[in-house]
Amino acid sequence: MNFLLRSATSLVYVSLLLGSLFVHPALFSALLCAMTIIAVWELQNISKRKTILVYLAFALLYFGKQQFAELSSILLPISLIGNLVLLIYFLKKKNIALSLGKIYFLGIVQITIPMVLLALFAQDHAVLIVLFFCIIWFNDAAAFLIGSSIGKTPLAKSISPNKTYEGFFGGVLLGSIATLVIGSYFTDLNSTYLFFIAVITAITASIGDLIQSKIKRLCNVKDSGRLLPGHGGIYDRIDSTLFALPVFLGLLYLLLYVS
């Protein structure tokens, strides 16, 4: 029943995202803005730390790019550095209190900047955004199915008891193979690059999921919200995207596939 509920919610979620992406980039950006605001609200709600300024960040950065073209080239390095900070935080065994300053960091660097990058990149590279979503969603689905069926070895028991090594490696492998098969039909990336990008992106997506689980543990909650049946809140649903997107974009630039 839980799988069917998750699947139904995912179908609606995917339809909204891909539908808006191909109707018009502005509609896609508006949807991402709404999702960002909700995710920031969920973060502040579970952490009991409130600040209204973070809600303005998406609009300021998105429209700021129209005035300052170089802004988009600055956001990606900031986001990658933010990922490194989050990874260091995740690897620390000692819990860190979520002060208001850390909520600013999470709200702007972890949530808002990746969502702005997603909106900006989609304006000229919609097909690559579809490829990115394929990696994330295939990995998530494969990890859930394998982990729930044969998973026995806990991956991070104190943070996310239901996640297993079997689900992690199975999700990365099967998700990347599925992306390779499907992606070869609508992108001109060669197979080696495509599989490499899929594997690295899938791994970082799984790490992003674990980082967000640790944040929720600090807040003593299981889910960030209840908006999406079977998934929790928007912050829960986009956790993988937030951490994996900067890496995905970085790989595309590194391999000189986009400029």
Foldseek 3Di string as FASTA:
>chain_A
DLVVLQVVLVVVVVCCQLVQLVVALVSNLVVLLVLLLQLLVLLCVLLVADDDVLNCQQVCLLVVCVVPVCSLVVLLVLLLVLLVVLVVQLPDPDDDRCDNVNSSSCSRNQRRSLSSNLSVVSNPCVLVSVLLVLLLVQLVVQLVVQLVPPFDAAPCCVQDNSGHPRSLVRSLVRSLVVSLVVVVVRDPDDSVLSSVLSNVLSNQLVVLLSSVSNSSVSSVDRASACPRRSQGGSNSVCSSSSRRSSVSVVSCVVVVVDD
